[in-house]
């Protein structure tokens, strides 16, 4: 249970910074003032935001229970996680975060947060290919190589 508490604590700090404080700073610096948004955009945005947030929570719980660790780089899973959302795609936590960002942009009707989400996606992609994947290869070896062959990085692999 302590591992879940650590995961929730680290995730709260991460979410607070990258999904609340930093976007708020971007909007404040841009002079953005919410003037409303189309109903369809708000509904779709809330749906994306909810789905993205739910996916992130699913990932965190999976890391805690199946991987015996957290999403924080200084307290990573001790076991290779290939269950839960990781069964379908290798980076679901990043996908969930970006979907939540796009959802927020749709609710607030601002291109600034779409631009932020695109930048986060590019930086995350570079982080994944330049650091995370080589690191996981060194840590988990052949089981991780086998995982790379069966599950895509960004596009879900639907299998039973």
N, C-alpha and C. Protein backbone atom coordinates (compact mmCIF):
# COMPACT_ATOMS: atom_id res chain seq x y z
N UNK A 1 0.82 -1.19 0.00
CA UNK A 1 0.00 0.00 0.00
C UNK A 1 0.86 1.26 0.00
N UNK A 2 2.04 1.17 0.63
CA UNK A 2 2.96 2.31 0.66
C UNK A 2 3.39 2.69 -0.75
N UNK A 3 3.57 1.69 -1.63
CA UNK A 3 3.98 1.98 -2.99
C UNK A 3 2.91 2.79 -3.72
N UNK A 4 1.64 2.48 -3.47
CA UNK A 4 0.55 3.22 -4.09
C UNK A 4 0.53 4.66 -3.59
N UNK A 5 0.78 4.84 -2.31
CA UNK A 5 0.85 6.19 -1.75
C UNK A 5 1.99 6.99 -2.38
N UNK A 6 3.15 6.34 -2.57
CA UNK A 6 4.28 7.01 -3.25
C UNK A 6 3.89 7.38 -4.68
N UNK A 7 3.26 6.44 -5.38
CA UNK A 7 2.86 6.69 -6.77
C UNK A 7 1.89 7.86 -6.85
N UNK A 8 0.93 7.91 -5.95
CA UNK A 8 -0.05 9.01 -5.95
C UNK A 8 0.62 10.34 -5.63
N UNK A 9 1.55 10.33 -4.68
CA UNK A 9 2.27 11.55 -4.31
C UNK A 9 3.08 12.09 -5.48
N UNK A 10 3.88 11.22 -6.11
CA UNK A 10 4.71 11.66 -7.24
C UNK A 10 3.84 12.11 -8.40
N UNK A 11 2.76 11.38 -8.66
CA UNK A 11 1.88 11.74 -9.77
C UNK A 11 1.20 13.08 -9.52
N UNK A 12 0.79 13.32 -8.29
CA UNK A 12 0.16 14.59 -7.96
C UNK A 12 1.11 15.75 -8.21
N UNK A 13 2.35 15.59 -7.81
CA UNK A 13 3.35 16.64 -8.06
C UNK A 13 3.58 16.83 -9.55
N UNK A 14 3.69 15.73 -10.30
CA UNK A 14 3.89 15.79 -11.74
C UNK A 14 2.70 16.47 -12.42
N UNK A 15 1.50 16.01 -12.08
CA UNK A 15 0.29 16.58 -12.68
C UNK A 15 0.17 18.06 -12.33
N UNK A 16 0.41 18.39 -11.07
CA UNK A 16 0.31 19.79 -10.65
C UNK A 16 1.25 20.67 -11.47
N UNK A 17 2.47 20.21 -11.69
CA UNK A 17 3.42 21.04 -12.42
C UNK A 17 3.14 21.07 -13.92
N UNK A 18 3.09 19.88 -14.57
CA UNK A 18 3.01 19.83 -16.02
C UNK A 18 1.61 20.01 -16.59
N UNK A 19 0.58 19.73 -15.80
CA UNK A 19 -0.78 19.83 -16.33
C UNK A 19 -1.59 20.97 -15.72
N UNK A 20 -1.04 21.67 -14.72
CA UNK A 20 -1.77 22.80 -14.13
C UNK A 20 -0.88 24.05 -14.10
N UNK A 21 0.22 24.02 -13.37
CA UNK A 21 1.05 25.21 -13.17
C UNK A 21 1.67 25.71 -14.47
N UNK A 22 2.34 24.82 -15.20
CA UNK A 22 2.99 25.24 -16.45
C UNK A 22 1.97 25.72 -17.49
N UNK A 23 0.88 24.97 -17.75
CA UNK A 23 -0.11 25.49 -18.70
C UNK A 23 -0.72 26.82 -18.25
N UNK A 24 -0.95 26.96 -16.95
CA UNK A 24 -1.49 28.23 -16.44
C UNK A 24 -0.51 29.37 -16.72
N UNK A 25 0.77 29.11 -16.53
CA UNK A 25 1.79 30.12 -16.82
C UNK A 25 1.81 30.48 -18.30
N UNK A 26 1.65 29.48 -19.15
CA UNK A 26 1.61 29.73 -20.60
C UNK A 26 0.41 30.62 -20.94
N UNK A 27 -0.74 30.28 -20.39
CA UNK A 27 -1.94 31.08 -20.67
C UNK A 27 -1.82 32.49 -20.12
N UNK A 28 -1.28 32.62 -18.91
CA UNK A 28 -1.10 33.96 -18.33
C UNK A 28 -0.14 34.79 -19.17
N UNK A 29 0.98 34.19 -19.58
CA UNK A 29 1.99 34.90 -20.36
C UNK A 29 1.45 35.31 -21.74
N UNK A 30 0.53 34.52 -22.28
CA UNK A 30 -0.03 34.82 -23.60
C UNK A 30 -1.12 35.88 -23.54
N UNK A 31 -1.57 36.20 -22.33
CA UNK A 31 -2.66 37.16 -22.20
C UNK A 31 -4.03 36.53 -22.43
N UNK A 32 -4.10 35.22 -22.43
CA UNK A 32 -5.34 34.49 -22.68
C UNK A 32 -6.41 34.85 -21.65
N UNK A 33 -7.60 35.08 -22.14
CA UNK A 33 -8.77 35.27 -21.29
C UNK A 33 -9.89 34.42 -21.87
N UNK A 34 -10.43 33.55 -21.04
CA UNK A 34 -11.46 32.64 -21.54
C UNK A 34 -12.71 33.41 -21.89
N UNK A 35 -13.15 33.22 -23.11
CA UNK A 35 -14.36 33.89 -23.56
C UNK A 35 -15.46 32.90 -23.89
N UNK A 36 -15.33 31.70 -23.38
CA UNK A 36 -16.29 30.65 -23.69
C UNK A 36 -15.78 29.79 -24.82
N UNK A 37 -16.43 28.68 -25.01
CA UNK A 37 -16.07 27.78 -26.10
C UNK A 37 -17.33 27.10 -26.59
N UNK A 38 -17.29 26.59 -27.82
CA UNK A 38 -18.48 25.89 -28.33
C UNK A 38 -18.82 24.69 -27.45
N UNK A 39 -20.10 24.41 -27.33
CA UNK A 39 -20.54 23.30 -26.48
C UNK A 39 -19.91 21.99 -26.93
N UNK A 40 -19.85 21.76 -28.25
CA UNK A 40 -19.27 20.51 -28.74
C UNK A 40 -17.82 20.38 -28.30
N UNK A 41 -17.09 21.50 -28.29
CA UNK A 41 -15.69 21.49 -27.89
C UNK A 41 -15.54 21.21 -26.40
N UNK A 42 -16.41 21.79 -25.61
CA UNK A 42 -16.37 21.53 -24.17
C UNK A 42 -16.69 20.07 -23.86
N UNK A 43 -17.71 19.52 -24.50
CA UNK A 43 -18.08 18.13 -24.26
C UNK A 43 -16.97 17.17 -24.70
N UNK A 44 -16.46 17.39 -25.91
CA UNK A 44 -15.37 16.54 -26.40
C UNK A 44 -14.13 16.73 -25.53
N UNK A 45 -13.88 17.96 -25.14
CA UNK A 45 -12.71 18.24 -24.30
C UNK A 45 -12.80 17.56 -22.95
N UNK A 46 -13.96 17.62 -22.31
CA UNK A 46 -14.14 16.94 -21.02
C UNK A 46 -14.01 15.43 -21.19
N UNK A 47 -14.50 14.90 -22.30
CA UNK A 47 -14.38 13.46 -22.55
C UNK A 47 -12.90 13.07 -22.71
N UNK A 48 -12.16 13.83 -23.51
CA UNK A 48 -10.73 13.55 -23.70
C UNK A 48 -9.96 13.72 -22.40
N UNK A 49 -10.25 14.78 -21.68
CA UNK A 49 -9.59 15.05 -20.41
C UNK A 49 -9.85 13.89 -19.43
N UNK A 50 -11.08 13.45 -19.35
CA UNK A 50 -11.44 12.35 -18.45
C UNK A 50 -10.78 11.04 -18.88
N UNK A 51 -10.82 10.75 -20.17
CA UNK A 51 -10.19 9.53 -20.67
C UNK A 51 -8.69 9.55 -20.40
N UNK A 52 -8.05 10.69 -20.72
CA UNK A 52 -6.61 10.82 -20.50
C UNK A 52 -6.24 10.67 -19.04
N UNK A 53 -6.99 11.32 -18.17
CA UNK A 53 -6.74 11.23 -16.73
C UNK A 53 -6.95 9.80 -16.24
N UNK A 54 -8.01 9.16 -16.71
CA UNK A 54 -8.27 7.77 -16.33
C UNK A 54 -7.17 6.83 -16.78
N UNK A 55 -6.65 7.06 -17.97
CA UNK A 55 -5.56 6.24 -18.48
C UNK A 55 -4.31 6.42 -17.63
N UNK A 56 -4.00 7.64 -17.25
CA UNK A 56 -2.84 7.90 -16.39
C UNK A 56 -3.01 7.19 -15.04
N UNK A 57 -4.19 7.27 -14.46
CA UNK A 57 -4.43 6.60 -13.18
C UNK A 57 -4.28 5.09 -13.33
N UNK A 58 -4.81 4.53 -14.41
CA UNK A 58 -4.68 3.09 -14.67
C UNK A 58 -3.19 2.70 -14.75
N UNK A 59 -2.41 3.52 -15.43
CA UNK A 59 -0.96 3.27 -15.55
C UNK A 59 -0.28 3.31 -14.18
N UNK A 60 -0.62 4.29 -13.37
CA UNK A 60 0.01 4.43 -12.06
C UNK A 60 -0.31 3.24 -11.16
N UNK A 61 -1.55 2.81 -11.18
CA UNK A 61 -1.95 1.65 -10.38
C UNK A 61 -1.25 0.39 -10.90
N UNK A 62 -1.15 0.25 -12.20
CA UNK A 62 -0.47 -0.90 -12.79
C UNK A 62 1.01 -0.90 -12.41
N UNK A 63 1.66 0.26 -12.49
CA UNK A 63 3.06 0.37 -12.07
C UNK A 63 3.23 -0.05 -10.62
N UNK A 64 2.32 0.41 -9.77
CA UNK A 64 2.44 0.13 -8.33
C UNK A 64 2.27 -1.36 -8.03
N UNK A 65 1.22 -1.97 -8.58
CA UNK A 65 0.91 -3.35 -8.21
C UNK A 65 1.65 -4.39 -9.05
N UNK A 66 1.74 -4.17 -10.37
CA UNK A 66 2.42 -5.17 -11.22
C UNK A 66 3.92 -4.93 -11.28
N UNK A 67 4.33 -3.66 -11.25
CA UNK A 67 5.75 -3.35 -11.39
C UNK A 67 6.47 -3.10 -10.09
N UNK A 68 5.72 -2.96 -9.01
CA UNK A 68 6.30 -2.70 -7.68
C UNK A 68 7.14 -1.43 -7.67
N UNK A 69 6.62 -0.38 -8.33
CA UNK A 69 7.31 0.90 -8.38
C UNK A 69 6.36 2.00 -8.81
N UNK A 70 6.91 3.12 -9.19
CA UNK A 70 6.12 4.28 -9.59
C UNK A 70 6.55 4.76 -10.97
N UNK A 71 5.89 5.78 -11.47
CA UNK A 71 6.26 6.37 -12.76
C UNK A 71 7.43 7.34 -12.62
N UNK A 72 7.81 7.65 -11.39
CA UNK A 72 8.93 8.58 -11.17
C UNK A 72 10.25 7.90 -11.53
N UNK A 73 11.11 8.59 -12.26
CA UNK A 73 12.39 7.98 -12.68
C UNK A 73 13.29 7.59 -11.51
N UNK A 74 13.12 8.22 -10.35
CA UNK A 74 13.95 7.90 -9.20
C UNK A 74 13.35 6.78 -8.35
N UNK A 75 12.15 6.29 -8.73
CA UNK A 75 11.49 5.19 -8.00
C UNK A 75 10.73 4.32 -9.01
N UNK A 76 11.45 3.79 -10.03
CA UNK A 76 10.78 3.10 -11.13
C UNK A 76 10.29 1.70 -10.73
N UNK A 77 9.45 1.12 -11.58
CA UNK A 77 9.01 -0.26 -11.34
C UNK A 77 10.22 -1.20 -11.28
N UNK A 78 10.14 -2.17 -10.38
CA UNK A 78 11.23 -3.16 -10.23
C UNK A 78 11.06 -4.31 -11.20
N UNK A 79 9.84 -4.48 -11.72
CA UNK A 79 9.52 -5.54 -12.67
C UNK A 79 9.06 -4.91 -13.97
N UNK A 80 9.34 -5.59 -15.08
CA UNK A 80 8.88 -5.12 -16.38
C UNK A 80 7.35 -5.18 -16.41
N UNK A 81 6.72 -4.08 -16.75
CA UNK A 81 5.26 -4.00 -16.76
C UNK A 81 4.77 -4.17 -18.20
N UNK A 82 4.06 -5.27 -18.44
CA UNK A 82 3.52 -5.56 -19.77
C UNK A 82 2.03 -5.92 -19.67
N UNK A 83 1.40 -5.53 -18.57
CA UNK A 83 -0.02 -5.80 -18.36
C UNK A 83 -0.77 -4.47 -18.28
N UNK A 84 -2.08 -4.56 -18.08
CA UNK A 84 -2.87 -3.34 -18.01
C UNK A 84 -2.78 -2.59 -19.33
N UNK A 85 -2.69 -1.28 -19.29
CA UNK A 85 -2.62 -0.52 -20.55
C UNK A 85 -1.32 -0.79 -21.31
N UNK A 86 -0.29 -1.27 -20.62
CA UNK A 86 0.99 -1.56 -21.27
C UNK A 86 0.92 -2.80 -22.14
N UNK A 87 -0.18 -3.50 -22.07
CA UNK A 87 -0.41 -4.66 -22.93
C UNK A 87 -0.74 -4.19 -24.35
N UNK A 88 -1.26 -2.99 -24.48
CA UNK A 88 -1.71 -2.49 -25.77
C UNK A 88 -0.77 -1.49 -26.42
N UNK A 89 -0.05 -0.72 -25.59
CA UNK A 89 0.84 0.32 -26.11
C UNK A 89 1.94 0.56 -25.08
N UNK A 90 3.15 0.87 -25.55
CA UNK A 90 4.29 0.96 -24.63
C UNK A 90 4.32 2.23 -23.78
N UNK A 91 3.67 3.28 -24.21
CA UNK A 91 3.75 4.56 -23.50
C UNK A 91 2.38 5.14 -23.17
N UNK A 92 1.51 4.36 -22.55
CA UNK A 92 0.15 4.87 -22.31
C UNK A 92 0.08 6.04 -21.33
N UNK A 93 1.02 6.14 -20.41
CA UNK A 93 0.96 7.24 -19.45
C UNK A 93 1.19 8.58 -20.15
N UNK A 94 2.09 8.59 -21.14
CA UNK A 94 2.34 9.82 -21.90
C UNK A 94 1.14 10.12 -22.81
N UNK A 95 0.57 9.09 -23.40
CA UNK A 95 -0.60 9.29 -24.25
C UNK A 95 -1.74 9.88 -23.42
N UNK A 96 -1.95 9.34 -22.23
CA UNK A 96 -3.00 9.85 -21.36
C UNK A 96 -2.78 11.31 -20.99
N UNK A 97 -1.53 11.65 -20.68
CA UNK A 97 -1.23 13.04 -20.30
C UNK A 97 -1.48 13.99 -21.47
N UNK A 98 -1.06 13.61 -22.66
CA UNK A 98 -1.26 14.47 -23.83
C UNK A 98 -2.74 14.58 -24.17
N UNK A 99 -3.48 13.48 -24.05
CA UNK A 99 -4.92 13.55 -24.28
C UNK A 99 -5.59 14.49 -23.29
N UNK A 100 -5.16 14.46 -22.04
CA UNK A 100 -5.71 15.38 -21.04
C UNK A 100 -5.38 16.82 -21.40
N UNK A 101 -4.17 17.07 -21.91
CA UNK A 101 -3.80 18.42 -22.32
C UNK A 101 -4.66 18.90 -23.49
N UNK A 102 -4.85 18.04 -24.47
CA UNK A 102 -5.69 18.40 -25.62
C UNK A 102 -7.13 18.63 -25.16
N UNK A 103 -7.61 17.79 -24.25
CA UNK A 103 -8.95 17.99 -23.71
C UNK A 103 -9.09 19.33 -23.02
N UNK A 104 -8.10 19.70 -22.22
CA UNK A 104 -8.12 21.01 -21.55
C UNK A 104 -8.12 22.14 -22.57
N UNK A 105 -7.34 21.98 -23.63
CA UNK A 105 -7.29 23.00 -24.69
C UNK A 105 -8.65 23.16 -25.35
N UNK A 106 -9.35 22.04 -25.52
CA UNK A 106 -10.68 22.10 -26.14
C UNK A 106 -11.70 22.75 -25.21
N UNK A 107 -11.62 22.45 -23.94
CA UNK A 107 -12.53 23.06 -22.97
C UNK A 107 -12.30 24.56 -22.90
N UNK A 108 -11.03 24.94 -22.84
CA UNK A 108 -10.68 26.36 -22.73
C UNK A 108 -10.64 27.08 -24.07
N UNK A 109 -10.74 26.30 -25.16
CA UNK A 109 -10.77 26.85 -26.52
C UNK A 109 -9.55 27.73 -26.78
N UNK A 110 -8.36 27.11 -26.63
CA UNK A 110 -7.12 27.85 -26.85
C UNK A 110 -6.09 27.00 -27.60
N UNK A 111 -5.52 27.63 -28.60
CA UNK A 111 -4.46 26.98 -29.36
C UNK A 111 -3.14 26.90 -28.59
N UNK A 112 -2.99 27.75 -27.57
CA UNK A 112 -1.75 27.74 -26.80
C UNK A 112 -1.53 26.39 -26.12
N UNK A 113 -2.59 25.79 -25.61
CA UNK A 113 -2.44 24.49 -24.96
C UNK A 113 -2.28 23.36 -25.98
N UNK A 114 -2.83 23.54 -27.17
CA UNK A 114 -2.58 22.56 -28.24
C UNK A 114 -1.09 22.59 -28.60
N UNK A 115 -0.55 23.80 -28.75
CA UNK A 115 0.89 23.94 -29.03
C UNK A 115 1.72 23.32 -27.92
N UNK A 116 1.34 23.57 -26.69
CA UNK A 116 2.03 22.98 -25.53
C UNK A 116 1.97 21.45 -25.61
N UNK A 117 0.81 20.88 -25.92
CA UNK A 117 0.66 19.43 -26.02
C UNK A 117 1.56 18.87 -27.13
N UNK A 118 1.65 19.57 -28.24
CA UNK A 118 2.51 19.12 -29.35
C UNK A 118 3.98 19.13 -28.91
N UNK A 119 4.38 20.19 -28.24
CA UNK A 119 5.77 20.28 -27.75
C UNK A 119 6.04 19.16 -26.74
N UNK A 120 5.11 18.92 -25.83
CA UNK A 120 5.27 17.84 -24.85
C UNK A 120 5.39 16.50 -25.56
N UNK A 121 4.58 16.28 -26.58
CA UNK A 121 4.63 15.02 -27.33
C UNK A 121 5.98 14.84 -28.02
N UNK A 122 6.51 15.89 -28.61
CA UNK A 122 7.81 15.81 -29.29
C UNK A 122 8.93 15.54 -28.28
N UNK A 123 8.92 16.28 -27.19
CA UNK A 123 9.95 16.09 -26.15
C UNK A 123 9.85 14.68 -25.56
N UNK A 124 8.63 14.23 -25.31
CA UNK A 124 8.42 12.90 -24.77
C UNK A 124 8.92 11.83 -25.73
N UNK A 125 8.63 11.99 -27.01
CA UNK A 125 9.09 11.03 -28.02
C UNK A 125 10.62 10.94 -28.00
N UNK A 126 11.27 12.08 -27.95
CA UNK A 126 12.74 12.09 -27.90
C UNK A 126 13.24 11.43 -26.61
N UNK A 127 12.60 11.71 -25.50
CA UNK A 127 12.96 11.08 -24.23
C UNK A 127 12.83 9.56 -24.31
N UNK A 128 11.74 9.10 -24.92
CA UNK A 128 11.49 7.67 -25.03
C UNK A 128 12.56 6.99 -25.89
N UNK A 129 12.84 7.55 -27.07
CA UNK A 129 13.77 6.86 -27.96
C UNK A 129 15.24 7.05 -27.57
N UNK A 130 15.57 8.18 -26.97
CA UNK A 130 16.97 8.44 -26.63
C UNK A 130 17.37 7.96 -25.23
N UNK A 131 16.41 7.90 -24.30
CA UNK A 131 16.76 7.48 -22.94
C UNK A 131 16.01 6.24 -22.46
N UNK A 132 14.67 6.33 -22.45
CA UNK A 132 13.89 5.27 -21.80
C UNK A 132 14.08 3.90 -22.43
N UNK A 133 13.94 3.80 -23.75
CA UNK A 133 14.06 2.49 -24.38
C UNK A 133 15.45 1.89 -24.21
N UNK A 134 16.54 2.65 -24.44
CA UNK A 134 17.87 2.06 -24.18
C UNK A 134 18.05 1.66 -22.72
N UNK A 135 17.54 2.48 -21.81
CA UNK A 135 17.66 2.17 -20.38
C UNK A 135 16.91 0.89 -20.03
N UNK A 136 15.69 0.76 -20.52
CA UNK A 136 14.89 -0.43 -20.23
C UNK A 136 15.51 -1.69 -20.86
N UNK A 137 16.16 -1.53 -22.00
CA UNK A 137 16.89 -2.67 -22.61
C UNK A 137 17.99 -3.15 -21.68
N UNK A 138 18.74 -2.19 -21.12
CA UNK A 138 19.83 -2.56 -20.20
C UNK A 138 19.30 -3.20 -18.92
N UNK A 139 18.20 -2.67 -18.40
CA UNK A 139 17.66 -3.16 -17.12
C UNK A 139 16.96 -4.51 -17.28
N UNK A 140 16.12 -4.67 -18.31
CA UNK A 140 15.29 -5.87 -18.42
C UNK A 140 15.73 -6.85 -19.49
N UNK A 141 16.65 -6.47 -20.38
CA UNK A 141 17.21 -7.40 -21.36
C UNK A 141 16.22 -8.00 -22.33
N UNK A 142 16.35 -9.32 -22.53
CA UNK A 142 15.56 -10.03 -23.54
C UNK A 142 14.05 -9.90 -23.36
N UNK A 143 13.52 -9.97 -22.14
CA UNK A 143 12.07 -9.79 -22.02
C UNK A 143 11.60 -8.44 -22.58
N UNK A 144 12.41 -7.40 -22.41
CA UNK A 144 12.03 -6.09 -22.96
C UNK A 144 12.14 -6.11 -24.48
N UNK A 145 13.18 -6.74 -25.01
CA UNK A 145 13.31 -6.86 -26.47
C UNK A 145 12.10 -7.60 -27.06
N UNK A 146 11.65 -8.65 -26.39
CA UNK A 146 10.47 -9.39 -26.84
C UNK A 146 9.23 -8.49 -26.81
N UNK A 147 9.12 -7.69 -25.77
CA UNK A 147 8.01 -6.75 -25.63
C UNK A 147 8.02 -5.74 -26.77
N UNK A 148 9.20 -5.23 -27.12
CA UNK A 148 9.31 -4.26 -28.22
C UNK A 148 8.80 -4.84 -29.53
N UNK A 149 8.96 -6.15 -29.71
CA UNK A 149 8.55 -6.79 -30.96
C UNK A 149 7.04 -6.98 -31.06
N UNK A 150 6.35 -6.95 -29.92
CA UNK A 150 4.92 -7.26 -29.94
C UNK A 150 4.01 -6.08 -29.65
N UNK A 151 4.54 -5.01 -29.03
CA UNK A 151 3.70 -3.87 -28.66
C UNK A 151 4.31 -2.59 -29.23
N UNK A 152 3.49 -1.80 -29.90
CA UNK A 152 3.97 -0.56 -30.52
C UNK A 152 4.21 0.54 -29.50
N UNK A 153 5.04 1.49 -29.89
CA UNK A 153 5.41 2.61 -29.02
C UNK A 153 4.23 3.55 -28.78
N UNK A 154 3.52 3.95 -29.83
CA UNK A 154 2.48 4.97 -29.70
C UNK A 154 1.10 4.52 -30.20
N UNK A 155 1.05 3.61 -31.14
CA UNK A 155 -0.23 3.16 -31.71
C UNK A 155 -0.62 1.86 -31.02
N UNK A 156 -1.79 1.81 -30.37
CA UNK A 156 -2.18 0.60 -29.66
C UNK A 156 -2.22 -0.64 -30.54
N UNK A 157 -1.80 -1.74 -29.95
CA UNK A 157 -1.86 -3.06 -30.59
C UNK A 157 -3.03 -3.77 -29.93
N UNK A 158 -4.09 -4.01 -30.67
CA UNK A 158 -5.27 -4.65 -30.09
C UNK A 158 -5.11 -6.15 -30.26
N UNK A 159 -4.94 -6.83 -29.15
CA UNK A 159 -4.81 -8.28 -29.18
C UNK A 159 -5.50 -8.87 -27.97
N UNK A 160 -5.87 -10.13 -28.10
CA UNK A 160 -6.58 -10.77 -26.99
C UNK A 160 -5.64 -11.47 -26.04
